[in-house]
């Protein structure tokens, strides 16, 4: 009995020390560069943002596949290629972190551009409002002078 317990203890000890070698991720046939993947994921995030602010839920779900198809066709890749590449890069956490940092940098740059354009539009609206008020005041003065 002692021999049997000793045997099982040794077997369990060896099994606990067994190291499973993780397989090396399979490189996709069409490996997408980090820079291109950053651009693709940025576009996907923009599409998602558009849908998140959309108020029409029915059209959101109907149009979503078309928008994704457009993004993928714009970058000349398939959904399967995108999935394979994301799975590949996820095996390298530091690389994936760099990719997501690149996406965030792109989104921040786009946000800054949008805010600058909004400020410019607001400035133009204010100028038009002032011009409209001045024109209205001028018309009032002119009509008062004519009387």
C-alpha atoms as a PDB file:
ATOM      1  CA  UNK A   1       0.000   0.000   0.000  1.00  0.00           C
ATOM      2  CA  UNK A   2       2.860   2.365   0.860  1.00  0.00           C
ATOM      3  CA  UNK A   3       4.413   1.624  -2.505  1.00  0.00           C
ATOM      4  CA  UNK A   4       1.145   2.450  -4.275  1.00  0.00           C
ATOM      5  CA  UNK A   5       0.814   5.776  -2.435  1.00  0.00           C
ATOM      6  CA  UNK A   6       4.450   6.576  -3.193  1.00  0.00           C
ATOM      7  CA  UNK A   7       3.884   5.723  -6.859  1.00  0.00           C
ATOM      8  CA  UNK A   8       0.826   8.013  -7.157  1.00  0.00           C
ATOM      9  CA  UNK A   9       2.656  10.793  -5.331  1.00  0.00           C
ATOM     10  CA  UNK A  10       5.550  10.571  -7.782  1.00  0.00           C
ATOM     11  CA  UNK A  11       3.178  10.475 -10.779  1.00  0.00           C
ATOM     12  CA  UNK A  12       1.286  13.512  -9.490  1.00  0.00           C
ATOM     13  CA  UNK A  13       4.565  15.341  -8.823  1.00  0.00           C
ATOM     14  CA  UNK A  14       5.805  14.675 -12.343  1.00  0.00           C
ATOM     15  CA  UNK A  15       2.473  15.677 -13.875  1.00  0.00           C
ATOM     16  CA  UNK A  16       2.456  18.952 -11.976  1.00  0.00           C
ATOM     17  CA  UNK A  17       5.922  19.730 -13.315  1.00  0.00           C
ATOM     18  CA  UNK A  18       4.911  18.980 -16.886  1.00  0.00           C
ATOM     19  CA  UNK A  19       5.171  22.147 -18.935  1.00  0.00           C
ATOM     20  CA  UNK A  20       2.822  22.490 -21.838  1.00  0.00           C
ATOM     21  CA  UNK A  21       4.600  24.181 -24.688  1.00  0.00           C
ATOM     22  CA  UNK A  22       2.354  26.797 -26.149  1.00  0.00           C
ATOM     23  CA  UNK A  23       2.215  26.577 -29.871  1.00  0.00           C
ATOM     24  CA  UNK A  24       3.649  29.334 -31.967  1.00  0.00           C
ATOM     25  CA  UNK A  25       0.804  31.281 -33.578  1.00  0.00           C
ATOM     26  CA  UNK A  26       0.248  30.549 -37.232  1.00  0.00           C
ATOM     27  CA  UNK A  27       1.223  33.506 -39.365  1.00  0.00           C
ATOM     28  CA  UNK A  28      -1.675  34.386 -41.684  1.00  0.00           C
ATOM     29  CA  UNK A  29      -1.082  34.067 -45.423  1.00  0.00           C
ATOM     30  CA  UNK A  30      -1.828  37.753 -45.867  1.00  0.00           C
ATOM     31  CA  UNK A  31      -0.215  39.291 -42.821  1.00  0.00           C
ATOM     32  CA  UNK A  32      -1.447  42.849 -42.373  1.00  0.00           C
ATOM     33  CA  UNK A  33       1.166  45.329 -41.231  1.00  0.00           C
ATOM     34  CA  UNK A  34       0.751  46.986 -37.860  1.00  0.00           C
ATOM     35  CA  UNK A  35       0.229  50.371 -39.509  1.00  0.00           C
ATOM     36  CA  UNK A  36      -2.518  49.070 -41.796  1.00  0.00           C
ATOM     37  CA  UNK A  37      -4.192  47.211 -38.930  1.00  0.00           C
ATOM     38  CA  UNK A  38      -4.160  50.448 -36.919  1.00  0.00           C
ATOM     39  CA  UNK A  39      -5.935  52.220 -39.792  1.00  0.00           C
ATOM     40  CA  UNK A  40      -8.491  49.426 -40.159  1.00  0.00           C
ATOM     41  CA  UNK A  41      -9.281  49.313 -36.440  1.00  0.00           C
ATOM     42  CA  UNK A  42      -9.516  53.114 -36.361  1.00  0.00           C
ATOM     43  CA  UNK A  43     -12.114  53.027 -39.138  1.00  0.00           C
ATOM     44  CA  UNK A  44     -14.018  50.266 -37.343  1.00  0.00           C
ATOM     45  CA  UNK A  45     -14.044  52.339 -34.146  1.00  0.00           C
ATOM     46  CA  UNK A  46     -15.407  55.320 -36.093  1.00  0.00           C
ATOM     47  CA  UNK A  47     -18.184  53.135 -37.509  1.00  0.00           C
ATOM     48  CA  UNK A  48     -18.984  51.854 -34.020  1.00  0.00           C
ATOM     49  CA  UNK A  49     -19.048  55.409 -32.673  1.00  0.00           C
ATOM     50  CA  UNK A  50     -21.463  56.416 -35.409  1.00  0.00           C
ATOM     51  CA  UNK A  51     -23.771  53.565 -34.525  1.00  0.00           C
ATOM     52  CA  UNK A  52     -23.546  54.268 -30.808  1.00  0.00           C
ATOM     53  CA  UNK A  53     -24.891  57.800 -31.307  1.00  0.00           C
ATOM     54  CA  UNK A  54     -27.504  56.738 -33.853  1.00  0.00           C
ATOM     55  CA  UNK A  55     -31.021  57.067 -32.542  1.00  0.00           C
ATOM     56  CA  UNK A  56     -32.663  54.760 -35.066  1.00  0.00           C
ATOM     57  CA  UNK A  57     -32.022  51.259 -33.732  1.00  0.00           C
ATOM     58  CA  UNK A  58     -33.647  49.430 -36.652  1.00  0.00           C
ATOM     59  CA  UNK A  59     -31.517  51.064 -39.313  1.00  0.00           C
ATOM     60  CA  UNK A  60     -28.464  50.674 -37.100  1.00  0.00           C
ATOM     61  CA  UNK A  61     -28.713  46.883 -37.159  1.00  0.00           C
ATOM     62  CA  UNK A  62     -29.638  46.748 -40.835  1.00  0.00           C
ATOM     63  CA  UNK A  63     -26.834  49.042 -41.964  1.00  0.00           C
ATOM     64  CA  UNK A  64     -24.040  47.740 -39.753  1.00  0.00           C
ATOM     65  CA  UNK A  65     -22.940  44.913 -42.100  1.00  0.00           C
ATOM     66  CA  UNK A  66     -22.833  47.319 -45.048  1.00  0.00           C
ATOM     67  CA  UNK A  67     -20.603  49.732 -43.156  1.00  0.00           C
ATOM     68  CA  UNK A  68     -18.256  46.935 -42.094  1.00  0.00           C
ATOM     69  CA  UNK A  69     -18.156  45.644 -45.675  1.00  0.00           C
ATOM     70  CA  UNK A  70     -17.299  49.165 -46.819  1.00  0.00           C
ATOM     71  CA  UNK A  71     -14.449  49.469 -44.309  1.00  0.00           C
ATOM     72  CA  UNK A  72     -13.075  46.058 -45.255  1.00  0.00           C
ATOM     73  CA  UNK A  73     -13.356  46.704 -48.998  1.00  0.00           C
ATOM     74  CA  UNK A  74     -11.727  50.118 -48.557  1.00  0.00           C
ATOM     75  CA  UNK A  75      -8.721  48.373 -47.028  1.00  0.00           C
ATOM     76  CA  UNK A  76      -8.945  45.502 -49.538  1.00  0.00           C
ATOM     77  CA  UNK A  77      -9.260  42.714 -46.953  1.00  0.00           C
ATOM     78  CA  UNK A  78     -11.866  40.148 -45.972  1.00  0.00           C
ATOM     79  CA  UNK A  79     -13.433  39.611 -42.577  1.00  0.00           C
ATOM     80  CA  UNK A  80     -11.621  36.278 -42.325  1.00  0.00           C
ATOM     81  CA  UNK A  81      -8.268  37.979 -42.990  1.00  0.00           C
ATOM     82  CA  UNK A  82      -9.013  40.555 -40.305  1.00  0.00           C
ATOM     83  CA  UNK A  83      -9.924  37.863 -37.778  1.00  0.00           C
ATOM     84  CA  UNK A  84      -6.827  35.793 -38.592  1.00  0.00           C
ATOM     85  CA  UNK A  85      -4.585  38.829 -38.225  1.00  0.00           C
ATOM     86  CA  UNK A  86      -6.150  39.936 -34.951  1.00  0.00           C
ATOM     87  CA  UNK A  87      -5.774  36.390 -33.590  1.00  0.00           C
ATOM     88  CA  UNK A  88      -2.145  36.381 -34.720  1.00  0.00           C
ATOM     89  CA  UNK A  89      -1.305  39.740 -33.147  1.00  0.00           C
ATOM     90  CA  UNK A  90      -3.118  38.827 -29.916  1.00  0.00           C
ATOM     91  CA  UNK A  91      -0.478  36.164 -29.368  1.00  0.00           C
ATOM     92  CA  UNK A  92       1.971  39.072 -28.969  1.00  0.00           C
ATOM     93  CA  UNK A  93       0.536  41.290 -26.220  1.00  0.00           C
ATOM     94  CA  UNK A  94       3.130  44.064 -26.539  1.00  0.00           C
ATOM     95  CA  UNK A  95       2.535  44.333 -30.272  1.00  0.00           C
ATOM     96  CA  UNK A  96      -1.227  44.353 -29.735  1.00  0.00           C
ATOM     97  CA  UNK A  97      -0.817  47.077 -27.125  1.00  0.00           C
ATOM     98  CA  UNK A  98       1.167  49.130 -29.647  1.00  0.00           C
ATOM     99  CA  UNK A  99      -1.619  48.635 -32.183  1.00  0.00           C
ATOM    100  CA  UNK A 100      -4.291  49.807 -29.750  1.00  0.00           C
ATOM    101  CA  UNK A 101      -2.132  52.763 -28.719  1.00  0.00           C
ATOM    102  CA  UNK A 102      -1.910  53.669 -32.411  1.00  0.00           C
ATOM    103  CA  UNK A 103      -5.692  53.431 -32.752  1.00  0.00           C
ATOM    104  CA  UNK A 104      -6.156  55.690 -29.724  1.00  0.00           C
ATOM    105  CA  UNK A 105      -3.646  58.180 -31.145  1.00  0.00           C
ATOM    106  CA  UNK A 106      -5.538  58.243 -34.460  1.00  0.00           C
ATOM    107  CA  UNK A 107      -8.873  58.717 -32.710  1.00  0.00           C
ATOM    108  CA  UNK A 108      -7.435  61.536 -30.590  1.00  0.00           C
ATOM    109  CA  UNK A 109      -6.107  63.247 -33.710  1.00  0.00           C
ATOM    110  CA  UNK A 110      -9.500  62.931 -35.417  1.00  0.00           C
ATOM    111  CA  UNK A 111     -11.231  64.264 -32.296  1.00  0.00           C
ATOM    112  CA  UNK A 112      -8.934  67.292 -32.276  1.00  0.00           C
ATOM    113  CA  UNK A 113      -9.659  67.968 -35.942  1.00  0.00           C
ATOM    114  CA  UNK A 114     -13.411  67.705 -35.372  1.00  0.00           C
ATOM    115  CA  UNK A 115     -13.246  70.068 -32.403  1.00  0.00           C
ATOM    116  CA  UNK A 116     -11.252  72.604 -34.443  1.00  0.00           C
ATOM    117  CA  UNK A 117     -13.771  72.395 -37.281  1.00  0.00           C
ATOM    118  CA  UNK A 118     -16.639  72.823 -34.813  1.00  0.00           C
ATOM    119  CA  UNK A 119     -14.974  75.906 -33.333  1.00  0.00           C
ATOM    120  CA  UNK A 120     -14.543  77.330 -36.842  1.00  0.00           C
ATOM    121  CA  UNK A 121     -18.207  76.701 -37.653  1.00  0.00           C
ATOM    122  CA  UNK A 122     -19.278  78.313 -34.372  1.00  0.00           C
ATOM    123  CA  UNK A 123     -17.053  81.312 -35.140  1.00  0.00           C
ATOM    124  CA  UNK A 124     -18.603  81.667 -38.595  1.00  0.00           C
ATOM    125  CA  UNK A 125     -22.115  81.385 -37.139  1.00  0.00           C
ATOM    126  CA  UNK A 126     -21.281  84.095 -34.614  1.00  0.00           C
ATOM    127  CA  UNK A 127     -19.928  86.331 -37.392  1.00  0.00           C
ATOM    128  CA  UNK A 128     -23.050  85.766 -39.466  1.00  0.00           C
ATOM    129  CA  UNK A 129     -25.234  86.508 -36.463  1.00  0.00           C
ATOM    130  CA  UNK A 130     -23.377  89.776 -35.820  1.00  0.00           C
ATOM    131  CA  UNK A 131     -23.614  90.662 -39.518  1.00  0.00           C
ATOM    132  CA  UNK A 132     -27.319  89.850 -39.527  1.00  0.00           C
ATOM    133  CA  UNK A 133     -27.882  91.985 -36.426  1.00  0.00           C
ATOM    134  CA  UNK A 134     -25.941  94.848 -38.019  1.00  0.00           C
ATOM    135  CA  UNK A 135     -27.970  94.541 -41.226  1.00  0.00           C
ATOM    136  CA  UNK A 136     -31.196  94.484 -39.260  1.00  0.00           C
ATOM    137  CA  UNK A 137     -30.090  97.553 -37.291  1.00  0.00           C
ATOM    138  CA  UNK A 138     -29.127  99.313 -40.533  1.00  0.00           C
ATOM    139  CA  UNK A 139     -32.563  98.573 -42.043  1.00  0.00           C
ATOM    140  CA  UNK A 140     -34.228  99.966 -38.923  1.00  0.00           C
ATOM    141  CA  UNK A 141     -32.128 103.126 -39.098  1.00  0.00           C
ATOM    142  CA  UNK A 142     -32.811 103.516 -42.818  1.00  0.00           C
ATOM    143  CA  UNK A 143     -36.555 103.120 -42.347  1.00  0.00           C
ATOM    144  CA  UNK A 144     -36.499 105.622 -39.472  1.00  0.00           C
ATOM    145  CA  UNK A 145     -34.589 108.148 -41.638  1.00  0.00           C
ATOM    146  CA  UNK A 146     -37.008 107.705 -44.548  1.00  0.00           C
ATOM    147  CA  UNK A 147     -39.983 108.564 -42.378  1.00  0.00           C
END
